[in-house]
Amino acid sequence: MHSAADSAGLMPAPPRVLLSGSGQERTLAFAGEWTVLTVGAMEQTLRKMAVSDDIYYFDIREVTRLDTAGALVLQRMAFYCCKEDWESAFVVDDPHHLDLLEKVASSARVDVPIGKASPWLSFLNQLGQEIVDEFRMAEQLLGFFGHYLVTLFSTLLRPGRLRITSLIFHMQQVGLAAVPIVSLLSFLIGAVVAYMGAVQLATFGAQIFVINLVEITILREMAVLLTSIVVAGRSGSSFTAQIGAMVANEEVAAMRSMGLEPMALLVLPRVLALTLMLPALVFLSDIMGILGGGVAVWLSMGLSPETFAARMQETINLNNFWVGLSKAPFFAVTIGIVGCFQGFQVTGSAESVGRLTTHSVVQSIFLVIVLDAVFAIFFSALRF
């Protein structure tokens, strides 16, 4: 038995626990994967449940994978909560799980107190867990990207498999629908750059060079970076929420049961649409940013639009334009992959959809800025 996320080749289903019932019928229902890689995240939750009220039954029928570490944790929970009859507290269907629980039963008899850990030790444990989780997330994200590349290449060999209707729909959603916000923000950023540059350069009597400042700032860096951040917050979060809702409603599992591949149906059209439309949005952002800079120069310096256009034509370096535009496909793939990947991590609750949507936006923006820094170093080394 595998979860939807696991069947899609993604991260293991995180362990979950739910307390239900009252009195003699209090039950802890466990689900997900209880292995050495996942049980650490449940430590604080189990500590609180173990020292609160007595638990009489432990339902592990929904546990999809169990190893020695997970079995030991479950046995110790049973021992702490119902010491008199802890060996018969489990409700289990899988004979392999039952066998594993019996094998670790002797180790669980050690009555180790579950006292409150020291704050310093808890901080170090949490820090170490966060670092391990991030490395594991990076590994799984890289695997997801590899799966996407395999699907992309197989689709290129057989173009008939590509869902054109879905591709065009997502191009409209991530591209055309984003034109107003990208245009407005780019115009304002161009105006701000030009105005602040004019104020600073006036100190040296070099206001005319504000046009060069607008050109290199907008074309090389700000347009592509600003557009990518807007798209990450707008479309990347949308990818996570859409796919997450489908995972929560078990639509992804239904797809796989019908022999359909979620990567080809859900991920490929979204990432391809973003890859095709982000360069177009960056081009639009270049135009609006320069236009905003021209308006700011006109209002602050009295330089006519004709003079601004003539000076821009004289000084413009197309290398800056091509550098900015060349980054767009890489940023688009990064945003699309992260957004779709986080959507498949949803566990079924509304809380996980919101949390992973936030995580998707933060992770996408972080990776875009890291990639932008790498590109800056790369092009500087090439003197391009």
Protein backbone atom coordinates (compact mmCIF):
# COMPACT_ATOMS: atom_id res chain seq x y z
CA MET A 1 0.00 0.00 0.00
CA HIS A 2 1.49 3.33 -1.08
CA SER A 3 0.33 6.90 -0.81
CA ALA A 4 -0.27 9.15 -3.80
CA ALA A 5 2.94 11.02 -3.23
CA ASP A 6 4.94 7.85 -2.91
CA SER A 7 3.41 6.34 -6.03
CA ALA A 8 4.41 9.41 -7.98
CA GLY A 9 8.01 8.75 -7.09
CA LEU A 10 8.22 11.58 -4.58
CA MET A 11 9.03 11.90 -0.89
CA PRO A 12 7.68 9.26 1.52
CA ALA A 13 4.29 9.97 3.07
CA PRO A 14 5.00 11.68 6.41
CA PRO A 15 3.84 9.90 9.56
CA ARG A 16 0.51 11.07 10.98
CA VAL A 17 -1.30 10.35 14.21
CA LEU A 18 -4.88 11.11 15.27
CA LEU A 19 -6.38 10.77 18.75
CA SER A 20 -10.05 9.79 18.89
CA GLY A 21 -12.58 8.35 21.31
CA SER A 22 -12.90 8.78 25.06
CA GLY A 23 -12.67 6.74 28.23
CA GLN A 24 -11.85 3.08 27.62
CA GLU A 25 -12.20 3.56 23.85
CA ARG A 26 -9.43 6.12 23.37
CA THR A 27 -7.53 5.26 20.19
CA LEU A 28 -4.43 6.54 18.45
CA ALA A 29 -4.72 6.03 14.67
CA PHE A 30 -1.35 6.01 12.91
CA ALA A 31 -0.86 6.53 9.17
CA GLY A 32 1.90 7.23 6.66
CA GLU A 33 5.42 5.85 6.77
CA TRP A 34 6.97 5.19 10.17
CA THR A 35 10.63 4.66 9.34
CA VAL A 36 13.97 5.91 10.56
CA LEU A 37 13.73 8.77 8.02
CA THR A 38 10.36 10.06 9.17
CA VAL A 39 9.66 9.29 12.84
CA GLY A 40 11.94 12.04 14.12
CA ALA A 41 9.43 14.68 13.04
CA MET A 42 6.77 13.14 15.33
CA GLU A 43 8.85 13.17 18.50
CA GLN A 44 7.30 16.26 20.11
CA THR A 45 3.75 15.20 19.21
CA LEU A 46 4.24 11.75 20.71
CA ARG A 47 5.81 13.20 23.85
CA LYS A 48 2.75 15.35 24.49
CA MET A 49 0.34 12.46 23.90
CA ALA A 50 2.38 10.08 26.03
CA VAL A 51 2.29 12.26 29.14
CA SER A 52 -1.31 13.48 28.85
CA ASP A 53 -4.09 10.88 28.97
CA ASP A 54 -4.12 7.10 28.82
CA ILE A 55 -4.45 5.53 25.38
CA TYR A 56 -5.93 2.06 25.13
CA TYR A 57 -5.75 1.12 21.45
CA PHE A 58 -3.15 1.78 18.73
CA ASP A 59 -4.57 1.45 15.22
CA ILE A 60 -1.73 1.05 12.69
CA ARG A 61 -3.75 -0.36 9.81
CA GLU A 62 -3.11 2.79 7.75
CA VAL A 63 0.67 2.65 8.21
CA THR A 64 2.11 2.20 4.73
CA ARG A 65 5.69 1.34 5.70
CA LEU A 66 7.26 0.32 8.98
CA ASP A 67 10.86 -0.42 9.93
CA THR A 68 12.62 -1.23 13.20
CA ALA A 69 12.90 2.41 14.28
CA GLY A 70 9.21 3.05 13.67
CA ALA A 71 8.16 -0.17 15.37
CA LEU A 72 10.27 0.67 18.41
CA VAL A 73 8.69 4.11 18.68
CA LEU A 74 5.19 2.63 18.48
CA GLN A 75 5.96 -0.08 21.04
CA ARG A 76 7.40 2.43 23.48
CA MET A 77 4.34 4.63 23.07
CA ALA A 78 2.15 1.65 23.92
CA PHE A 79 4.34 0.81 26.91
CA TYR A 80 4.18 4.37 28.28
CA CYS A 81 0.44 4.79 27.79
CA CYS A 82 -0.93 1.41 28.88
CA LYS A 83 1.73 -0.50 30.79
CA GLU A 84 -0.61 -3.17 32.14
CA ASP A 85 -1.81 -4.47 28.80
CA TRP A 86 0.50 -2.82 26.28
CA GLU A 87 1.26 -5.96 24.25
CA SER A 88 -2.38 -6.34 23.10
CA ALA A 89 -2.98 -2.68 22.43
CA PHE A 90 -2.29 -2.81 18.68
CA VAL A 91 -4.88 -3.10 15.92
CA VAL A 92 -2.92 -4.32 12.90
CA ASP A 93 -3.71 -6.14 9.65
CA ASP A 94 -0.28 -6.57 8.05
CA PRO A 95 1.43 -9.73 9.42
CA HIS A 96 4.85 -8.24 8.62
CA HIS A 97 4.11 -5.22 10.79
CA LEU A 98 2.92 -7.48 13.60
CA ASP A 99 6.06 -9.60 13.35
CA LEU A 100 8.26 -6.51 13.49
CA LEU A 101 6.42 -5.16 16.53
CA GLU A 102 6.93 -8.47 18.34
CA LYS A 103 10.64 -8.49 17.54
CA VAL A 104 11.25 -5.07 19.09
CA ALA A 105 8.91 -5.65 22.05
CA SER A 106 11.72 -6.55 24.46
CA SER A 107 13.57 -3.31 23.74
CA ALA A 108 10.42 -1.28 24.41
CA ARG A 109 10.17 -2.63 27.98
CA VAL A 110 12.95 -0.32 29.12
CA ASP A 111 11.11 2.36 31.06
CA VAL A 112 12.97 5.47 29.90
CA PRO A 113 11.39 8.62 31.35
CA ILE A 114 9.95 11.05 28.83
CA GLY A 115 10.92 14.12 30.75
CA LYS A 116 11.23 17.51 29.13
CA ALA A 117 14.48 17.84 27.23
CA SER A 118 16.76 20.80 27.89
CA PRO A 119 16.07 23.85 25.68
CA TRP A 120 19.64 23.81 24.31
CA LEU A 121 19.43 20.16 23.36
CA SER A 122 16.01 20.68 21.83
CA PHE A 123 17.36 23.58 19.78
CA LEU A 124 20.27 21.50 18.49
CA ASN A 125 17.97 18.58 17.69
CA GLN A 126 15.59 20.86 15.82
CA LEU A 127 18.44 22.55 13.94
CA GLY A 128 19.93 19.21 12.94
CA GLN A 129 16.52 17.91 11.86
CA GLU A 130 15.92 21.00 9.73
CA ILE A 131 19.29 20.60 8.01
CA VAL A 132 18.69 16.90 7.33
CA ASP A 133 15.17 17.63 6.04
CA GLU A 134 16.45 20.31 3.66
CA PHE A 135 19.13 18.01 2.24
CA ARG A 136 16.56 15.26 1.84
CA MET A 137 14.18 17.72 0.20
CA ALA A 138 16.92 18.81 -2.22
CA GLU A 139 17.61 15.17 -3.09
CA GLN A 140 13.94 14.46 -3.73
CA LEU A 141 13.55 17.68 -5.74
CA LEU A 142 16.50 16.70 -7.92
CA GLY A 143 14.91 13.29 -8.49
CA PHE A 144 11.61 14.96 -9.39
CA PHE A 145 13.44 17.16 -11.91
CA GLY A 146 15.05 14.08 -13.44
CA HIS A 147 11.63 12.45 -13.75
CA TYR A 148 10.39 15.59 -15.51
CA LEU A 149 13.31 15.52 -17.98
CA VAL A 150 12.63 11.87 -18.82
CA THR A 151 8.96 12.67 -19.43
CA LEU A 152 9.86 15.72 -21.51
CA PHE A 153 12.27 13.83 -23.76
CA SER A 154 9.83 10.94 -24.23
CA THR A 155 7.13 13.46 -25.18
CA LEU A 156 9.46 15.14 -27.68
CA LEU A 157 10.00 11.75 -29.31
CA ARG A 158 6.24 11.23 -29.46
CA PRO A 159 4.68 14.74 -29.72
CA GLY A 160 1.19 13.30 -29.94
CA ARG A 161 1.29 12.60 -26.19
CA LEU A 162 1.45 16.31 -25.38
CA ARG A 163 -1.91 17.72 -24.27
CA ILE A 164 -2.09 20.89 -26.36
CA THR A 165 -5.34 22.09 -24.78
CA SER A 166 -3.86 21.90 -21.29
CA LEU A 167 -0.65 23.61 -22.47
CA ILE A 168 -2.53 26.54 -24.05
CA PHE A 169 -4.76 26.90 -20.99
CA HIS A 170 -1.77 27.16 -18.65
CA MET A 171 0.01 29.54 -21.04
CA GLN A 172 -2.99 31.83 -20.74
CA GLN A 173 -3.04 31.48 -16.94
CA VAL A 174 0.67 32.04 -16.29
CA GLY A 175 1.32 34.41 -19.19
CA LEU A 176 -1.54 36.60 -20.40
CA ALA A 177 -3.20 36.83 -16.99
CA ALA A 178 0.08 38.09 -15.47
CA VAL A 179 0.57 40.92 -18.00
CA PRO A 180 -1.15 43.68 -15.94
CA ILE A 181 0.73 43.09 -12.67
CA VAL A 182 4.09 42.57 -14.41
CA SER A 183 3.63 45.69 -16.53
CA LEU A 184 2.67 47.88 -13.59
CA LEU A 185 5.46 46.70 -11.30
CA SER A 186 8.09 46.95 -14.04
CA PHE A 187 7.00 50.48 -14.92
CA LEU A 188 7.20 51.55 -11.28
CA ILE A 189 10.57 49.88 -10.70
CA GLY A 190 11.99 51.55 -13.80
CA ALA A 191 10.73 54.91 -12.56
CA VAL A 192 12.21 54.37 -9.10
CA VAL A 193 15.62 53.36 -10.51
CA ALA A 194 15.70 56.39 -12.80
CA TYR A 195 14.58 58.84 -10.12
CA MET A 196 17.00 57.61 -7.46
CA GLY A 197 19.82 57.45 -10.01
CA ALA A 198 19.15 61.02 -11.12
CA VAL A 199 19.23 62.25 -7.52
CA GLN A 200 22.55 60.55 -6.77
CA LEU A 201 24.25 61.35 -10.07
CA ALA A 202 23.26 65.01 -9.77
CA THR A 203 25.88 65.29 -7.04
CA PHE A 204 28.57 64.71 -9.66
CA GLY A 205 26.83 66.56 -12.49
CA ALA A 206 26.40 63.31 -14.40
CA GLN A 207 22.62 63.09 -14.65
CA ILE A 208 22.82 62.09 -18.29
CA PHE A 209 24.25 58.72 -17.27
CA VAL A 210 21.00 57.82 -15.55
CA ILE A 211 19.90 56.47 -18.93
CA ASN A 212 22.83 54.03 -18.89
CA LEU A 213 21.86 53.08 -15.33
CA VAL A 214 18.26 52.34 -16.33
CA GLU A 215 19.41 50.33 -19.34
CA ILE A 216 21.84 48.01 -17.56
CA THR A 217 19.74 47.67 -14.38
CA ILE A 218 16.44 46.88 -16.08
CA LEU A 219 17.63 44.81 -19.02
CA ARG A 220 20.28 42.75 -17.25
CA GLU A 221 18.87 42.14 -13.77
CA MET A 222 15.72 43.80 -12.52
CA ALA A 223 13.28 42.82 -15.28
CA VAL A 224 13.98 39.08 -15.20
CA LEU A 225 14.35 38.96 -11.41
CA LEU A 226 11.22 40.97 -10.67
CA THR A 227 9.15 39.04 -13.21
CA SER A 228 10.35 35.70 -11.84
CA ILE A 229 9.50 36.68 -8.27
CA VAL A 230 6.01 37.82 -9.32
CA VAL A 231 5.45 34.60 -11.27
CA ALA A 232 6.75 32.50 -8.36
CA GLY A 233 4.26 34.12 -6.00
CA ARG A 234 1.43 34.01 -8.50
CA SER A 235 1.81 30.88 -10.64
CA GLY A 236 4.15 28.75 -8.51
CA SER A 237 1.78 28.94 -5.56
CA SER A 238 -1.13 28.18 -7.88
CA PHE A 239 0.60 25.01 -9.12
CA THR A 240 1.12 23.84 -5.54
CA ALA A 241 -2.46 24.55 -4.49
CA GLN A 242 -3.99 22.93 -7.59
CA ILE A 243 -1.95 19.74 -7.46
CA GLY A 244 -2.18 19.63 -3.66
CA ALA A 245 -5.98 19.73 -3.82
CA MET A 246 -5.93 16.88 -6.34
CA VAL A 247 -3.66 14.83 -4.08
CA ALA A 248 -5.88 15.53 -1.07
CA ASN A 249 -8.97 14.46 -3.02
CA GLU A 250 -7.14 11.32 -4.23
CA GLU A 251 -7.51 12.38 -7.86
CA VAL A 252 -3.81 11.70 -8.46
CA ALA A 253 -4.20 8.19 -7.08
CA ALA A 254 -7.21 7.70 -9.36
CA MET A 255 -5.12 8.80 -12.35
CA ARG A 256 -2.46 6.22 -11.61
CA SER A 257 -5.05 3.49 -11.08
CA MET A 258 -6.33 4.22 -14.59
CA GLY A 259 -2.82 3.95 -16.03
CA LEU A 260 -2.31 7.71 -16.47
CA GLU A 261 0.98 9.37 -15.56
CA PRO A 262 0.60 12.45 -13.29
CA MET A 263 3.95 13.80 -14.48
CA ALA A 264 2.75 13.94 -18.10
CA LEU A 265 -0.77 15.13 -17.23
CA LEU A 266 -0.14 17.66 -14.46
CA VAL A 267 3.51 18.69 -14.41
CA LEU A 268 4.65 18.77 -18.04
CA PRO A 269 1.98 21.21 -19.37
CA ARG A 270 2.47 23.59 -16.45
CA VAL A 271 6.27 23.71 -16.62
CA LEU A 272 6.30 23.95 -20.42
CA ALA A 273 3.76 26.79 -20.34
CA LEU A 274 5.87 28.65 -17.79
CA THR A 275 9.04 28.06 -19.83
CA LEU A 276 7.42 29.48 -22.95
CA MET A 277 5.70 32.45 -21.33
CA LEU A 278 8.28 33.74 -18.84
CA PRO A 279 10.69 35.01 -21.57
CA ALA A 280 7.75 36.88 -23.14
CA LEU A 281 6.90 38.42 -19.77
CA VAL A 282 10.54 39.41 -19.27
CA PHE A 283 10.55 41.10 -22.69
CA LEU A 284 7.42 43.00 -21.70
CA SER A 285 9.04 43.90 -18.39
CA ASP A 286 12.08 45.28 -20.24
CA ILE A 287 9.88 47.58 -22.31
CA MET A 288 7.78 48.76 -19.37
CA GLY A 289 10.83 49.28 -17.15
CA ILE A 290 12.56 51.46 -19.74
CA LEU A 291 9.30 53.31 -20.33
CA GLY A 292 8.97 53.97 -16.61
CA GLY A 293 12.58 55.17 -16.49
CA GLY A 294 11.91 57.52 -19.42
CA VAL A 295 8.87 59.02 -17.70
CA ALA A 296 10.85 59.53 -14.45
CA VAL A 297 13.73 61.17 -16.33
CA TRP A 298 11.28 63.44 -18.15
CA LEU A 299 9.58 64.55 -14.95
CA SER A 300 12.68 64.86 -12.72
CA MET A 301 15.28 66.12 -15.20
CA GLY A 302 13.17 67.74 -17.89
CA LEU A 303 14.74 65.49 -20.52
CA SER A 304 12.28 65.08 -23.38
CA PRO A 305 11.12 61.60 -24.42
CA GLU A 306 12.75 62.10 -27.84
CA THR A 307 16.13 62.85 -26.25
CA PHE A 308 15.76 59.91 -23.88
CA ALA A 309 14.97 57.56 -26.77
CA ALA A 310 17.88 58.85 -28.85
CA ARG A 311 20.32 58.54 -25.96
CA MET A 312 19.02 55.05 -25.15
CA GLN A 313 19.52 53.99 -28.75
CA GLU A 314 23.10 55.27 -28.70
CA THR A 315 24.13 53.65 -25.43
CA ILE A 316 22.11 50.45 -25.30
CA ASN A 317 24.14 47.24 -25.13
CA LEU A 318 22.21 44.29 -26.50
CA ASN A 319 24.39 41.94 -24.47
CA ASN A 320 22.52 43.13 -21.38
CA PHE A 321 19.21 42.33 -23.04
CA TRP A 322 20.30 38.83 -24.08
CA VAL A 323 21.81 38.09 -20.67
CA GLY A 324 18.55 38.95 -18.94
CA LEU A 325 16.43 37.06 -21.44
CA SER A 326 18.65 33.95 -21.33
CA LYS A 327 17.99 33.54 -17.61
CA ALA A 328 14.22 33.37 -18.03
CA PRO A 329 13.87 29.71 -19.15
CA PHE A 330 16.04 28.48 -16.27
CA PHE A 331 14.06 30.51 -13.75
CA ALA A 332 10.80 29.26 -15.29
CA VAL A 333 11.78 25.59 -14.98
CA THR A 334 12.90 26.17 -11.38
CA ILE A 335 9.62 27.85 -10.39
CA GLY A 336 7.48 25.25 -12.17
CA ILE A 337 9.33 22.23 -10.79
CA VAL A 338 9.29 23.54 -7.21
CA GLY A 339 5.60 24.48 -7.41
CA CYS A 340 4.52 21.09 -8.77
CA PHE A 341 6.85 19.16 -6.45
CA GLN A 342 5.46 20.81 -3.34
CA GLY A 343 1.93 20.10 -4.54
CA PHE A 344 2.61 16.36 -4.49
CA GLN A 345 3.76 16.59 -0.85
CA VAL A 346 0.27 17.49 0.43
CA THR A 347 -0.92 14.95 2.99
CA GLY A 348 -4.66 15.58 2.78
CA SER A 349 -5.32 18.40 5.23
CA ALA A 350 -6.05 22.03 4.46
CA GLU A 351 -3.21 23.01 6.77
CA SER A 352 -0.67 21.12 4.67
CA VAL A 353 -1.93 22.81 1.48
CA GLY A 354 -1.38 26.26 2.99
CA ARG A 355 1.96 25.36 4.53
CA LEU A 356 3.36 23.80 1.37
CA THR A 357 2.07 26.65 -0.79
CA THR A 358 4.02 29.07 1.39
CA HIS A 359 7.03 26.77 1.28
CA SER A 360 6.76 26.62 -2.51
CA VAL A 361 6.88 30.41 -2.89
CA VAL A 362 9.77 30.84 -0.45
CA GLN A 363 11.78 28.00 -1.99
CA SER A 364 11.16 29.23 -5.55
CA ILE A 365 12.24 32.80 -4.79
CA PHE A 366 15.30 31.56 -2.91
CA LEU A 367 16.40 29.31 -5.78
CA VAL A 368 15.75 32.05 -8.35
CA ILE A 369 18.00 34.46 -6.45
CA VAL A 370 20.68 31.79 -6.05
CA LEU A 371 20.54 31.04 -9.79
CA ASP A 372 20.71 34.76 -10.56
CA ALA A 373 23.87 35.05 -8.47
CA VAL A 374 25.38 32.06 -10.28
CA PHE A 375 24.56 33.61 -13.65
CA ALA A 376 26.06 36.94 -12.56
CA ILE A 377 29.33 35.24 -11.65
CA PHE A 378 29.28 33.18 -14.84
CA PHE A 379 28.70 36.13 -17.21
CA SER A 380 31.19 38.27 -15.32
CA ALA A 381 33.82 35.58 -15.76
CA LEU A 382 33.05 35.54 -19.48
CA ARG A 383 33.12 39.36 -19.57
CA PHE A 384 29.79 39.26 -21.39
